[in-house]
Amino acid sequence: MHLPPFSLVIGGAQSGKSAFAERMVRASGLAKVYVATAEAHDADMTSKIEDHRTSRAGQGWRTVEAPHDTARALAGLEDGEVALLDCVTFWLTNLMLADGNWQDELDLLCDVLAHLSIPVVAVSNDVSGGVVPETSLGRAFQRAQGQVNQRLAAQAALVVQVTVGIPTVLKGQPLSEEGW
């Protein structure tokens, strides 16, 4: 299956978006690179990261840990590869918690995505349909995530929303059924 240069898979927490994105990448037939952005700050995240690693074990994935320098990690990938960036939400969280300039990093990420010669499938959480967060940090994160998602969706040739494991194309042409 031929993937567009950049695809965005979006959905709520535990919606099945990562599993769907993995199926897209596997169906491409290219060498699979998992660009991981999560950091294990507690036992729950440690377990979640291990579950993701276990689910990919023995399937030919190469993992690149890139919790902060994600754009640079993508820029270092080679022809013949396909990248799964999982996930944009953790990348943004890492930058905000480190008081990083996420706007500059987003500019860099978008520039890298525009110039890559390999396809990238990015996964991101949709935080627009929930309750307004109680804390100022939570509200700042929700605003930032909304801005990041809108910018990436504008750049993507394919945007798919996954809800309860079911993909819905929001932008672009659906891929062949083998990829879904």
C-alpha atoms as a PDB file:
ATOM      1  CA  MET A   1       0.000   0.000   0.000  1.00  0.00           C
ATOM      2  CA  HIS A   2       1.253   3.458  -0.895  1.00  0.00           C
ATOM      3  CA  LEU A   3       1.115   5.949   1.977  1.00  0.00           C
ATOM      4  CA  PRO A   4       0.911   9.720   1.478  1.00  0.00           C
ATOM      5  CA  PRO A   5       3.985  11.712   2.535  1.00  0.00           C
ATOM      6  CA  PHE A   6       2.336  12.677   5.827  1.00  0.00           C
ATOM      7  CA  SER A   7      -0.716  11.198   7.535  1.00  0.00           C
ATOM      8  CA  LEU A   8      -2.262  12.205  10.863  1.00  0.00           C
ATOM      9  CA  VAL A   9      -4.251   9.716  12.938  1.00  0.00           C
ATOM     10  CA  ILE A  10      -6.212  11.404  15.692  1.00  0.00           C
ATOM     11  CA  GLY A  11      -8.593  10.223  18.377  1.00  0.00           C
ATOM     12  CA  GLY A  12      -9.368  10.192  22.054  1.00  0.00           C
ATOM     13  CA  ALA A  13      -7.493   8.260  24.697  1.00  0.00           C
ATOM     14  CA  GLN A  14      -7.744   4.489  24.189  1.00  0.00           C
ATOM     15  CA  SER A  15      -9.637   4.985  20.894  1.00  0.00           C
ATOM     16  CA  GLY A  16      -7.504   2.518  18.921  1.00  0.00           C
ATOM     17  CA  LYS A  17      -5.575   5.204  17.045  1.00  0.00           C
ATOM     18  CA  SER A  18      -2.108   3.717  17.677  1.00  0.00           C
ATOM     19  CA  ALA A  19      -3.178   0.232  16.606  1.00  0.00           C
ATOM     20  CA  PHE A  20      -4.751   1.662  13.459  1.00  0.00           C
ATOM     21  CA  ALA A  21      -1.627   3.702  12.658  1.00  0.00           C
ATOM     22  CA  GLU A  22       0.549   0.603  13.156  1.00  0.00           C
ATOM     23  CA  ARG A  23      -1.617  -1.305  10.654  1.00  0.00           C
ATOM     24  CA  MET A  24      -1.153   1.521   8.115  1.00  0.00           C
ATOM     25  CA  VAL A  25       2.616   1.422   8.540  1.00  0.00           C
ATOM     26  CA  ARG A  26       2.821  -2.394   8.364  1.00  0.00           C
ATOM     27  CA  ALA A  27       0.748  -2.417   5.159  1.00  0.00           C
ATOM     28  CA  SER A  28       3.197  -0.037   3.445  1.00  0.00           C
ATOM     29  CA  GLY A  29       5.766  -2.812   2.986  1.00  0.00           C
ATOM     30  CA  LEU A  30       8.593  -0.429   3.938  1.00  0.00           C
ATOM     31  CA  ALA A  31      11.080  -0.826   6.788  1.00  0.00           C
ATOM     32  CA  LYS A  32       9.150   0.188   9.920  1.00  0.00           C
ATOM     33  CA  VAL A  33      10.546   2.763  12.336  1.00  0.00           C
ATOM     34  CA  TYR A  34       8.686   3.539  15.541  1.00  0.00           C
ATOM     35  CA  VAL A  35       9.553   7.063  16.708  1.00  0.00           C
ATOM     36  CA  ALA A  36       8.625   6.954  20.387  1.00  0.00           C
ATOM     37  CA  THR A  37       7.991  10.124  22.362  1.00  0.00           C
ATOM     38  CA  ALA A  38       6.675   8.848  25.711  1.00  0.00           C
ATOM     39  CA  GLU A  39       8.717   9.179  28.855  1.00  0.00           C
ATOM     40  CA  ALA A  40       8.156   6.896  31.834  1.00  0.00           C
ATOM     41  CA  HIS A  41       7.594   9.250  34.757  1.00  0.00           C
ATOM     42  CA  ASP A  42       5.554   6.758  36.765  1.00  0.00           C
ATOM     43  CA  ALA A  43       4.703   3.060  36.988  1.00  0.00           C
ATOM     44  CA  ASP A  44       1.605   3.399  34.810  1.00  0.00           C
ATOM     45  CA  MET A  45       3.570   4.971  31.929  1.00  0.00           C
ATOM     46  CA  THR A  46       6.331   2.409  32.346  1.00  0.00           C
ATOM     47  CA  SER A  47       3.712  -0.310  31.935  1.00  0.00           C
ATOM     48  CA  LYS A  48       2.084   1.406  28.936  1.00  0.00           C
ATOM     49  CA  ILE A  49       5.439   1.804  27.170  1.00  0.00           C
ATOM     50  CA  GLU A  50       6.289  -1.853  27.837  1.00  0.00           C
ATOM     51  CA  ASP A  51       2.885  -2.938  26.470  1.00  0.00           C
ATOM     52  CA  HIS A  52       3.562  -0.993  23.262  1.00  0.00           C
ATOM     53  CA  ARG A  53       7.039  -2.537  22.937  1.00  0.00           C
ATOM     54  CA  THR A  54       5.671  -6.022  23.529  1.00  0.00           C
ATOM     55  CA  SER A  55       2.959  -5.570  20.896  1.00  0.00           C
ATOM     56  CA  ARG A  56       5.649  -4.750  18.277  1.00  0.00           C
ATOM     57  CA  ALA A  57       8.156  -7.432  19.322  1.00  0.00           C
ATOM     58  CA  GLY A  58       9.237  -9.766  16.561  1.00  0.00           C
ATOM     59  CA  GLN A  59       7.542  -7.711  13.849  1.00  0.00           C
ATOM     60  CA  GLY A  60      10.645  -6.010  12.451  1.00  0.00           C
ATOM     61  CA  TRP A  61      10.205  -2.599  14.035  1.00  0.00           C
ATOM     62  CA  ARG A  62      13.199  -0.391  14.736  1.00  0.00           C
ATOM     63  CA  THR A  63      12.548   1.969  17.639  1.00  0.00           C
ATOM     64  CA  VAL A  64      13.970   5.480  17.899  1.00  0.00           C
ATOM     65  CA  GLU A  65      13.457   7.152  21.277  1.00  0.00           C
ATOM     66  CA  ALA A  66      12.794  10.846  20.622  1.00  0.00           C
ATOM     67  CA  PRO A  67      10.839  12.415  23.482  1.00  0.00           C
ATOM     68  CA  HIS A  68      12.161  15.934  22.797  1.00  0.00           C
ATOM     69  CA  ASP A  69      14.168  16.082  19.549  1.00  0.00           C
ATOM     70  CA  THR A  70      11.502  14.415  17.475  1.00  0.00           C
ATOM     71  CA  ALA A  71      11.976  16.513  14.334  1.00  0.00           C
ATOM     72  CA  ARG A  72      15.704  15.796  14.327  1.00  0.00           C
ATOM     73  CA  ALA A  73      15.051  12.073  14.775  1.00  0.00           C
ATOM     74  CA  LEU A  74      12.670  12.067  11.805  1.00  0.00           C
ATOM     75  CA  ALA A  75      15.191  13.982   9.706  1.00  0.00           C
ATOM     76  CA  GLY A  76      17.723  11.207  10.344  1.00  0.00           C
ATOM     77  CA  LEU A  77      15.589   8.434   8.839  1.00  0.00           C
ATOM     78  CA  GLU A  78      16.531   6.877   5.512  1.00  0.00           C
ATOM     79  CA  ASP A  79      14.908   6.157   2.176  1.00  0.00           C
ATOM     80  CA  GLY A  80      13.022   2.873   2.192  1.00  0.00           C
ATOM     81  CA  GLU A  81      11.729   3.455   5.705  1.00  0.00           C
ATOM     82  CA  VAL A  82       8.329   4.556   7.002  1.00  0.00           C
ATOM     83  CA  ALA A  83       7.968   6.312  10.349  1.00  0.00           C
ATOM     84  CA  LEU A  84       5.263   5.943  12.940  1.00  0.00           C
ATOM     85  CA  LEU A  85       5.436   8.969  15.238  1.00  0.00           C
ATOM     86  CA  ASP A  86       3.641   7.913  18.415  1.00  0.00           C
ATOM     87  CA  CYS A  87       2.690  10.255  19.799  1.00  0.00           C
ATOM     88  CA  VAL A  88       2.479  13.977  19.221  1.00  0.00           C
ATOM     89  CA  THR A  89       0.618  14.441  22.507  1.00  0.00           C
ATOM     90  CA  PHE A  90       3.483  13.031  24.585  1.00  0.00           C
ATOM     91  CA  TRP A  91       5.979  15.095  22.574  1.00  0.00           C
ATOM     92  CA  LEU A  92       4.043  18.285  23.361  1.00  0.00           C
ATOM     93  CA  THR A  93       3.680  17.272  27.019  1.00  0.00           C
ATOM     94  CA  ASN A  94       7.431  16.685  27.292  1.00  0.00           C
ATOM     95  CA  LEU A  95       8.199  20.097  25.808  1.00  0.00           C
ATOM     96  CA  MET A  96       5.708  21.932  28.003  1.00  0.00           C
ATOM     97  CA  LEU A  97       6.855  20.202  31.197  1.00  0.00           C
ATOM     98  CA  ALA A  98      10.467  21.076  30.349  1.00  0.00           C
ATOM     99  CA  ASP A  99       9.411  24.687  29.671  1.00  0.00           C
ATOM    100  CA  GLY A 100      10.534  24.220  26.084  1.00  0.00           C
ATOM    101  CA  ASN A 101       9.416  26.462  23.267  1.00  0.00           C
ATOM    102  CA  TRP A 102       6.863  24.158  21.694  1.00  0.00           C
ATOM    103  CA  GLN A 103       5.974  26.692  18.979  1.00  0.00           C
ATOM    104  CA  ASP A 104       9.549  26.721  17.667  1.00  0.00           C
ATOM    105  CA  GLU A 105       9.722  22.922  17.887  1.00  0.00           C
ATOM    106  CA  LEU A 106       6.411  22.673  15.994  1.00  0.00           C
ATOM    107  CA  ASP A 107       7.812  24.953  13.277  1.00  0.00           C
ATOM    108  CA  LEU A 108      10.848  22.675  13.024  1.00  0.00           C
ATOM    109  CA  LEU A 109       8.695  19.536  12.971  1.00  0.00           C
ATOM    110  CA  CYS A 110       6.468  20.915  10.199  1.00  0.00           C
ATOM    111  CA  ASP A 111       9.518  21.949   8.177  1.00  0.00           C
ATOM    112  CA  VAL A 112      11.071  18.485   8.512  1.00  0.00           C
ATOM    113  CA  LEU A 113       7.784  16.805   7.572  1.00  0.00           C
ATOM    114  CA  ALA A 114       7.539  18.987   4.460  1.00  0.00           C
ATOM    115  CA  HIS A 115      10.987  17.919   3.255  1.00  0.00           C
ATOM    116  CA  LEU A 116      11.182  14.228   4.179  1.00  0.00           C
ATOM    117  CA  SER A 117      11.449  11.685   1.385  1.00  0.00           C
ATOM    118  CA  ILE A 118       9.804   8.959   3.481  1.00  0.00           C
ATOM    119  CA  PRO A 119       6.199   8.645   4.618  1.00  0.00           C
ATOM    120  CA  VAL A 120       5.300   9.522   8.203  1.00  0.00           C
ATOM    121  CA  VAL A 121       2.184   8.502  10.098  1.00  0.00           C
ATOM    122  CA  ALA A 122       1.717  10.606  13.242  1.00  0.00           C
ATOM    123  CA  VAL A 123      -0.619   9.778  16.122  1.00  0.00           C
ATOM    124  CA  SER A 124      -2.161  12.509  18.268  1.00  0.00           C
ATOM    125  CA  ASN A 125      -4.875  12.837  20.887  1.00  0.00           C
ATOM    126  CA  ASP A 126      -7.927  14.952  20.187  1.00  0.00           C
ATOM    127  CA  VAL A 127      -8.501  16.993  23.330  1.00  0.00           C
ATOM    128  CA  SER A 128     -11.171  19.262  21.884  1.00  0.00           C
ATOM    129  CA  GLY A 129     -14.246  17.326  22.981  1.00  0.00           C
ATOM    130  CA  GLY A 130     -13.634  17.115  26.699  1.00  0.00           C
ATOM    131  CA  VAL A 131     -14.184  19.153  29.776  1.00  0.00           C
ATOM    132  CA  VAL A 132     -12.266  22.415  30.171  1.00  0.00           C
ATOM    133  CA  PRO A 133      -9.356  21.557  32.487  1.00  0.00           C
ATOM    134  CA  GLU A 134      -9.389  22.903  36.039  1.00  0.00           C
ATOM    135  CA  THR A 135      -5.780  24.120  36.131  1.00  0.00           C
ATOM    136  CA  SER A 136      -4.055  26.818  34.113  1.00  0.00           C
ATOM    137  CA  LEU A 137      -1.443  24.271  32.946  1.00  0.00           C
ATOM    138  CA  GLY A 138      -4.220  21.940  31.807  1.00  0.00           C
ATOM    139  CA  ARG A 139      -5.946  24.742  29.889  1.00  0.00           C
ATOM    140  CA  ALA A 140      -2.643  25.849  28.348  1.00  0.00           C
ATOM    141  CA  PHE A 141      -1.974  22.258  27.267  1.00  0.00           C
ATOM    142  CA  GLN A 142      -5.451  21.887  25.748  1.00  0.00           C
ATOM    143  CA  ARG A 143      -4.987  25.124  23.758  1.00  0.00           C
ATOM    144  CA  ALA A 144      -1.513  24.086  22.621  1.00  0.00           C
ATOM    145  CA  GLN A 145      -2.628  20.572  21.631  1.00  0.00           C
ATOM    146  CA  GLY A 146      -5.489  22.060  19.626  1.00  0.00           C
ATOM    147  CA  GLN A 147      -3.092  24.382  17.805  1.00  0.00           C
ATOM    148  CA  VAL A 148      -0.610  21.565  17.137  1.00  0.00           C
ATOM    149  CA  ASN A 149      -3.325  19.252  15.813  1.00  0.00           C
ATOM    150  CA  GLN A 150      -4.786  21.929  13.550  1.00  0.00           C
ATOM    151  CA  ARG A 151      -1.377  22.770  12.123  1.00  0.00           C
ATOM    152  CA  LEU A 152      -0.480  19.122  11.503  1.00  0.00           C
ATOM    153  CA  ALA A 153      -3.911  18.396   9.994  1.00  0.00           C
ATOM    154  CA  ALA A 154      -3.470  21.306   7.599  1.00  0.00           C
ATOM    155  CA  GLN A 155      -0.140  19.853   6.452  1.00  0.00           C
ATOM    156  CA  ALA A 156      -1.258  16.214   6.251  1.00  0.00           C
ATOM    157  CA  ALA A 157      -2.476  14.687   2.997  1.00  0.00           C
ATOM    158  CA  LEU A 158      -4.525  12.178   5.000  1.00  0.00           C
ATOM    159  CA  VAL A 159      -6.259  12.774   8.334  1.00  0.00           C
ATOM    160  CA  VAL A 160      -8.089   9.877   9.972  1.00  0.00           C
ATOM    161  CA  GLN A 161     -10.067  10.041  13.199  1.00  0.00           C
ATOM    162  CA  VAL A 162     -10.337   6.777  15.113  1.00  0.00           C
ATOM    163  CA  THR A 163     -13.226   6.258  17.505  1.00  0.00           C
ATOM    164  CA  VAL A 164     -13.828   2.892  19.224  1.00  0.00           C
ATOM    165  CA  GLY A 165     -11.345   1.354  16.800  1.00  0.00           C
ATOM    166  CA  ILE A 166     -13.239   2.544  13.720  1.00  0.00           C
ATOM    167  CA  PRO A 167     -11.405   4.867  11.306  1.00  0.00           C
ATOM    168  CA  THR A 168     -13.169   7.800   9.659  1.00  0.00           C
ATOM    169  CA  VAL A 169     -11.365   9.780   6.966  1.00  0.00           C
ATOM    170  CA  LEU A 170     -11.559  13.510   7.675  1.00  0.00           C
ATOM    171  CA  LYS A 171      -9.226  14.627   4.884  1.00  0.00           C
ATOM    172  CA  GLY A 172      -7.762  12.903   1.835  1.00  0.00           C
ATOM    173  CA  GLN A 173      -8.552   9.622   0.147  1.00  0.00           C
ATOM    174  CA  PRO A 174      -9.096   6.379   2.071  1.00  0.00           C
ATOM    175  CA  LEU A 175      -6.358   3.827   1.693  1.00  0.00           C
ATOM    176  CA  SER A 176      -6.982   0.308   0.429  1.00  0.00           C
ATOM    177  CA  GLU A 177      -8.789  -2.031   2.786  1.00  0.00           C
ATOM    178  CA  GLU A 178      -5.594  -4.030   3.394  1.00  0.00           C
ATOM    179  CA  GLY A 179      -4.166  -1.053   5.295  1.00  0.00           C
ATOM    180  CA  TRP A 180      -7.246  -0.745   7.465  1.00  0.00           C
END
